[in-house]
Amino acid sequence: MHAPAGTVSRAPLDRALLLIVPAAAFMLILFVYPFLYGLACSFNSSKDCRLESFTLASYTHFFTTDNLWPTIWTTLRLALPATLINVGLALPIAYKMRVRTRYQRWVTTVLVVPITLGTVLIAEGALTYFGPKGWLSQTLQLLHIYEGPIRLTHNYWGVLISLVISGFPFAFLLILS
């Protein structure tokens, strides 16, 4: 059947596209709008974030205050090594896991367990295990490998270890997929 001359035929509306509308609205309302609002507020000098004037006062204050701008360096000192370690560990494991074995589900489950723990339990476990009176310190002293208490908490190495523990499952799952 042909459409009469002079009329335009339209494809029927794909109902699956209607499923995108609620998801897109959800993303806009809960993620995009707050991000854009916060960005706009960062260019405003008033404390109540009335978007009346454009100024770089907040950024000038951040980069001229001696105890604020070094946080960028501290963040990069932690984030870059943690990312490299997570990807470096997850890549070969995920590569080996691409072949189906009877242990594949078990190994994946064990490697993904830190996701279920949350950051509070990981932090508590790190304090218990890596602290000066923790299991690691006591075991190393018992085996005469290290004398005196070892401290891997409340310092750079403790934070790096906790970032690797909490970030590895995400790197593994992303690379595995």
C-alpha atoms as a PDB file:
ATOM      1  CA  MET A   1       0.000   0.000   0.000  1.00  0.00           C
ATOM      2  CA  HIS A   2       1.296   3.406  -0.942  1.00  0.00           C
ATOM      3  CA  ALA A   3       0.544   6.664   0.750  1.00  0.00           C
ATOM      4  CA  PRO A   4      -1.488   9.095  -1.318  1.00  0.00           C
ATOM      5  CA  ALA A   5       0.521  11.686  -3.205  1.00  0.00           C
ATOM      6  CA  GLY A   6       1.423  14.745  -1.141  1.00  0.00           C
ATOM      7  CA  THR A   7       1.357  13.010   2.284  1.00  0.00           C
ATOM      8  CA  VAL A   8       4.350  12.125   4.362  1.00  0.00           C
ATOM      9  CA  SER A   9       4.424   8.692   5.925  1.00  0.00           C
ATOM     10  CA  ARG A  10       5.735   8.543   9.486  1.00  0.00           C
ATOM     11  CA  ALA A  11       7.276   5.578  11.191  1.00  0.00           C
ATOM     12  CA  PRO A  12       5.310   4.385  14.190  1.00  0.00           C
ATOM     13  CA  LEU A  13       6.594   5.616  17.548  1.00  0.00           C
ATOM     14  CA  ASP A  14       8.916   3.083  19.068  1.00  0.00           C
ATOM     15  CA  ARG A  15       7.545   2.425  22.540  1.00  0.00           C
ATOM     16  CA  ALA A  16      10.963   1.381  23.790  1.00  0.00           C
ATOM     17  CA  LEU A  17      12.057   4.990  23.360  1.00  0.00           C
ATOM     18  CA  LEU A  18       9.453   5.979  25.938  1.00  0.00           C
ATOM     19  CA  LEU A  19      11.460   4.055  28.521  1.00  0.00           C
ATOM     20  CA  ILE A  20      14.333   6.484  28.010  1.00  0.00           C
ATOM     21  CA  VAL A  21      12.292   9.501  29.126  1.00  0.00           C
ATOM     22  CA  PRO A  22      12.035   8.587  32.851  1.00  0.00           C
ATOM     23  CA  ALA A  23      15.710   7.537  32.969  1.00  0.00           C
ATOM     24  CA  ALA A  24      16.828  10.751  31.274  1.00  0.00           C
ATOM     25  CA  ALA A  25      14.673  12.846  33.616  1.00  0.00           C
ATOM     26  CA  PHE A  26      16.092  10.976  36.613  1.00  0.00           C
ATOM     27  CA  MET A  27      19.678  11.645  35.464  1.00  0.00           C
ATOM     28  CA  LEU A  28      18.954  15.304  34.794  1.00  0.00           C
ATOM     29  CA  ILE A  29      17.219  15.936  38.111  1.00  0.00           C
ATOM     30  CA  LEU A  30      19.543  13.985  40.412  1.00  0.00           C
ATOM     31  CA  PHE A  31      22.936  14.385  38.722  1.00  0.00           C
ATOM     32  CA  VAL A  32      23.168  17.011  35.999  1.00  0.00           C
ATOM     33  CA  TYR A  33      21.177  19.805  37.680  1.00  0.00           C
ATOM     34  CA  PRO A  34      23.022  19.623  41.049  1.00  0.00           C
ATOM     35  CA  PHE A  35      26.368  19.561  39.251  1.00  0.00           C
ATOM     36  CA  LEU A  36      25.524  22.580  37.095  1.00  0.00           C
ATOM     37  CA  TYR A  37      24.014  24.428  40.090  1.00  0.00           C
ATOM     38  CA  GLY A  38      27.139  23.792  42.174  1.00  0.00           C
ATOM     39  CA  LEU A  39      29.353  24.905  39.316  1.00  0.00           C
ATOM     40  CA  ALA A  40      27.332  28.112  38.927  1.00  0.00           C
ATOM     41  CA  CYS A  41      27.499  28.697  42.703  1.00  0.00           C
ATOM     42  CA  SER A  42      31.282  28.370  42.605  1.00  0.00           C
ATOM     43  CA  PHE A  43      31.391  31.488  40.402  1.00  0.00           C
ATOM     44  CA  ASN A  44      29.293  33.499  42.871  1.00  0.00           C
ATOM     45  CA  SER A  45      30.686  35.254  45.918  1.00  0.00           C
ATOM     46  CA  SER A  46      27.507  35.287  48.035  1.00  0.00           C
ATOM     47  CA  LYS A  47      27.113  32.569  50.652  1.00  0.00           C
ATOM     48  CA  ASP A  48      23.464  31.788  49.826  1.00  0.00           C
ATOM     49  CA  CYS A  49      24.254  31.158  46.150  1.00  0.00           C
ATOM     50  CA  ARG A  50      21.956  33.711  44.599  1.00  0.00           C
ATOM     51  CA  LEU A  51      23.081  33.569  41.020  1.00  0.00           C
ATOM     52  CA  GLU A  52      23.371  37.321  40.548  1.00  0.00           C
ATOM     53  CA  SER A  53      26.997  38.037  39.732  1.00  0.00           C
ATOM     54  CA  PHE A  54      29.909  36.260  38.121  1.00  0.00           C
ATOM     55  CA  THR A  55      33.183  36.303  40.069  1.00  0.00           C
ATOM     56  CA  LEU A  56      36.297  34.216  40.494  1.00  0.00           C
ATOM     57  CA  ALA A  57      36.610  35.058  44.216  1.00  0.00           C
ATOM     58  CA  SER A  58      36.154  31.447  45.369  1.00  0.00           C
ATOM     59  CA  TYR A  59      38.848  30.196  43.013  1.00  0.00           C
ATOM     60  CA  THR A  60      41.177  33.055  43.916  1.00  0.00           C
ATOM     61  CA  HIS A  61      40.694  32.248  47.619  1.00  0.00           C
ATOM     62  CA  PHE A  62      41.305  28.526  47.008  1.00  0.00           C
ATOM     63  CA  PHE A  63      44.535  28.990  45.065  1.00  0.00           C
ATOM     64  CA  THR A  64      45.953  31.743  47.279  1.00  0.00           C
ATOM     65  CA  THR A  65      45.312  30.079  50.648  1.00  0.00           C
ATOM     66  CA  ASP A  66      48.329  28.007  51.635  1.00  0.00           C
ATOM     67  CA  ASN A  67      46.409  25.158  53.247  1.00  0.00           C
ATOM     68  CA  LEU A  68      43.768  24.702  50.509  1.00  0.00           C
ATOM     69  CA  TRP A  69      45.415  24.323  47.109  1.00  0.00           C
ATOM     70  CA  PRO A  70      47.872  21.573  48.156  1.00  0.00           C
ATOM     71  CA  THR A  71      44.836  19.287  48.505  1.00  0.00           C
ATOM     72  CA  ILE A  72      44.947  18.903  44.718  1.00  0.00           C
ATOM     73  CA  TRP A  73      48.469  17.480  44.960  1.00  0.00           C
ATOM     74  CA  THR A  74      47.484  15.227  47.873  1.00  0.00           C
ATOM     75  CA  THR A  75      44.505  13.934  45.905  1.00  0.00           C
ATOM     76  CA  LEU A  76      46.645  13.203  42.851  1.00  0.00           C
ATOM     77  CA  ARG A  77      49.340  11.526  45.010  1.00  0.00           C
ATOM     78  CA  LEU A  78      46.681   9.094  46.218  1.00  0.00           C
ATOM     79  CA  ALA A  79      44.396   8.742  43.190  1.00  0.00           C
ATOM     80  CA  LEU A  80      46.990   8.059  40.505  1.00  0.00           C
ATOM     81  CA  PRO A  81      48.845   5.223  42.277  1.00  0.00           C
ATOM     82  CA  ALA A  82      45.558   3.692  43.484  1.00  0.00           C
ATOM     83  CA  THR A  83      44.194   3.728  39.938  1.00  0.00           C
ATOM     84  CA  LEU A  84      47.350   2.254  38.451  1.00  0.00           C
ATOM     85  CA  ILE A  85      47.510  -0.481  41.097  1.00  0.00           C
ATOM     86  CA  ASN A  86      43.809  -1.347  40.704  1.00  0.00           C
ATOM     87  CA  VAL A  87      43.990  -1.540  36.915  1.00  0.00           C
ATOM     88  CA  GLY A  88      47.365  -3.314  37.030  1.00  0.00           C
ATOM     89  CA  LEU A  89      45.970  -6.002  39.334  1.00  0.00           C
ATOM     90  CA  ALA A  90      42.525  -6.275  37.751  1.00  0.00           C
ATOM     91  CA  LEU A  91      43.673  -6.512  34.132  1.00  0.00           C
ATOM     92  CA  PRO A  92      45.561  -9.835  34.305  1.00  0.00           C
ATOM     93  CA  ILE A  93      42.983 -11.388  36.619  1.00  0.00           C
ATOM     94  CA  ALA A  94      40.082 -10.341  34.389  1.00  0.00           C
ATOM     95  CA  TYR A  95      42.027 -11.565  31.356  1.00  0.00           C
ATOM     96  CA  LYS A  96      42.414 -15.021  32.952  1.00  0.00           C
ATOM     97  CA  MET A  97      38.756 -15.017  34.018  1.00  0.00           C
ATOM     98  CA  ARG A  98      37.468 -14.635  30.441  1.00  0.00           C
ATOM     99  CA  VAL A  99      37.709 -18.412  30.000  1.00  0.00           C
ATOM    100  CA  ARG A 100      34.866 -20.297  31.672  1.00  0.00           C
ATOM    101  CA  THR A 101      35.919 -22.621  34.465  1.00  0.00           C
ATOM    102  CA  ARG A 102      34.006 -24.219  37.267  1.00  0.00           C
ATOM    103  CA  TYR A 103      35.686 -21.823  39.742  1.00  0.00           C
ATOM    104  CA  GLN A 104      34.940 -18.646  37.807  1.00  0.00           C
ATOM    105  CA  ARG A 105      31.861 -17.660  39.817  1.00  0.00           C
ATOM    106  CA  TRP A 106      33.563 -18.323  43.130  1.00  0.00           C
ATOM    107  CA  VAL A 107      36.650 -16.296  42.252  1.00  0.00           C
ATOM    108  CA  THR A 108      34.514 -13.422  40.953  1.00  0.00           C
ATOM    109  CA  THR A 109      32.413 -13.497  44.124  1.00  0.00           C
ATOM    110  CA  VAL A 110      35.460 -13.384  46.393  1.00  0.00           C
ATOM    111  CA  LEU A 111      37.034 -10.535  44.401  1.00  0.00           C
ATOM    112  CA  VAL A 112      33.828  -8.479  44.499  1.00  0.00           C
ATOM    113  CA  VAL A 113      33.106  -8.898  48.235  1.00  0.00           C
ATOM    114  CA  PRO A 114      34.580  -5.473  49.197  1.00  0.00           C
ATOM    115  CA  ILE A 115      31.714  -3.809  47.315  1.00  0.00           C
ATOM    116  CA  THR A 116      29.282  -5.301  49.821  1.00  0.00           C
ATOM    117  CA  LEU A 117      31.294  -4.121  52.815  1.00  0.00           C
ATOM    118  CA  GLY A 118      31.230  -0.389  52.266  1.00  0.00           C
ATOM    119  CA  THR A 119      33.876   2.131  53.179  1.00  0.00           C
ATOM    120  CA  VAL A 120      33.094   2.200  56.898  1.00  0.00           C
ATOM    121  CA  LEU A 121      33.699  -1.532  57.347  1.00  0.00           C
ATOM    122  CA  ILE A 122      36.801  -1.400  55.160  1.00  0.00           C
ATOM    123  CA  ALA A 123      38.154   1.431  57.320  1.00  0.00           C
ATOM    124  CA  GLU A 124      37.347  -0.458  60.513  1.00  0.00           C
ATOM    125  CA  GLY A 125      38.979  -3.610  59.154  1.00  0.00           C
ATOM    126  CA  ALA A 126      42.067  -1.654  58.121  1.00  0.00           C
ATOM    127  CA  LEU A 127      42.353  -0.193  61.623  1.00  0.00           C
ATOM    128  CA  THR A 128      42.028  -3.656  63.158  1.00  0.00           C
ATOM    129  CA  TYR A 129      44.410  -5.383  60.751  1.00  0.00           C
ATOM    130  CA  PHE A 130      46.998  -2.704  59.909  1.00  0.00           C
ATOM    131  CA  GLY A 131      47.137  -0.788  63.209  1.00  0.00           C
ATOM    132  CA  PRO A 132      50.139  -0.906  65.586  1.00  0.00           C
ATOM    133  CA  LYS A 133      48.404  -3.594  67.659  1.00  0.00           C
ATOM    134  CA  GLY A 134      46.733  -5.216  64.653  1.00  0.00           C
ATOM    135  CA  TRP A 135      47.040  -8.723  63.300  1.00  0.00           C
ATOM    136  CA  LEU A 136      49.687  -7.851  60.715  1.00  0.00           C
ATOM    137  CA  SER A 137      51.976  -6.127  63.220  1.00  0.00           C
ATOM    138  CA  GLN A 138      51.620  -8.906  65.769  1.00  0.00           C
ATOM    139  CA  THR A 139      52.216 -11.636  63.172  1.00  0.00           C
ATOM    140  CA  LEU A 140      55.364  -9.931  61.825  1.00  0.00           C
ATOM    141  CA  GLN A 141      56.687  -9.546  65.383  1.00  0.00           C
ATOM    142  CA  LEU A 142      55.842 -13.159  66.269  1.00  0.00           C
ATOM    143  CA  LEU A 143      57.711 -14.426  63.208  1.00  0.00           C
ATOM    144  CA  HIS A 144      60.633 -12.060  63.994  1.00  0.00           C
ATOM    145  CA  ILE A 145      60.318 -10.462  60.559  1.00  0.00           C
ATOM    146  CA  TYR A 146      59.877  -6.947  61.919  1.00  0.00           C
ATOM    147  CA  GLU A 147      60.711  -5.557  65.333  1.00  0.00           C
ATOM    148  CA  GLY A 148      58.395  -3.042  66.976  1.00  0.00           C
ATOM    149  CA  PRO A 149      54.883  -2.096  65.976  1.00  0.00           C
ATOM    150  CA  ILE A 150      54.177  -1.416  62.331  1.00  0.00           C
ATOM    151  CA  ARG A 151      51.733   1.372  61.559  1.00  0.00           C
ATOM    152  CA  LEU A 152      49.796   1.357  58.304  1.00  0.00           C
ATOM    153  CA  THR A 153      46.926   3.530  59.524  1.00  0.00           C
ATOM    154  CA  HIS A 154      46.379   7.283  59.627  1.00  0.00           C
ATOM    155  CA  ASN A 155      49.080   7.834  57.012  1.00  0.00           C
ATOM    156  CA  TYR A 156      49.616   7.812  53.248  1.00  0.00           C
ATOM    157  CA  TRP A 157      50.123   4.050  52.977  1.00  0.00           C
ATOM    158  CA  GLY A 158      47.019   3.213  54.982  1.00  0.00           C
ATOM    159  CA  VAL A 159      44.830   5.436  52.827  1.00  0.00           C
ATOM    160  CA  LEU A 160      46.386   4.015  49.644  1.00  0.00           C
ATOM    161  CA  ILE A 161      45.779   0.438  50.804  1.00  0.00           C
ATOM    162  CA  SER A 162      42.143   1.206  51.661  1.00  0.00           C
ATOM    163  CA  LEU A 163      41.631   2.867  48.249  1.00  0.00           C
ATOM    164  CA  VAL A 164      43.022  -0.216  46.527  1.00  0.00           C
ATOM    165  CA  ILE A 165      40.818  -2.534  48.590  1.00  0.00           C
ATOM    166  CA  SER A 166      37.662  -0.515  47.954  1.00  0.00           C
ATOM    167  CA  GLY A 167      38.411   0.310  44.299  1.00  0.00           C
ATOM    168  CA  PHE A 168      39.660  -3.050  43.042  1.00  0.00           C
ATOM    169  CA  PRO A 169      36.228  -4.699  42.641  1.00  0.00           C
ATOM    170  CA  PHE A 170      35.019  -1.848  40.436  1.00  0.00           C
ATOM    171  CA  ALA A 171      38.133  -1.984  38.249  1.00  0.00           C
ATOM    172  CA  PHE A 172      37.851  -5.776  38.036  1.00  0.00           C
ATOM    173  CA  LEU A 173      34.176  -5.762  37.053  1.00  0.00           C
ATOM    174  CA  LEU A 174      34.632  -3.025  34.472  1.00  0.00           C
ATOM    175  CA  ILE A 175      37.585  -4.770  32.855  1.00  0.00           C
ATOM    176  CA  LEU A 176      35.892  -8.172  33.085  1.00  0.00           C
ATOM    177  CA  SER A 177      32.842  -6.925  31.199  1.00  0.00           C
END
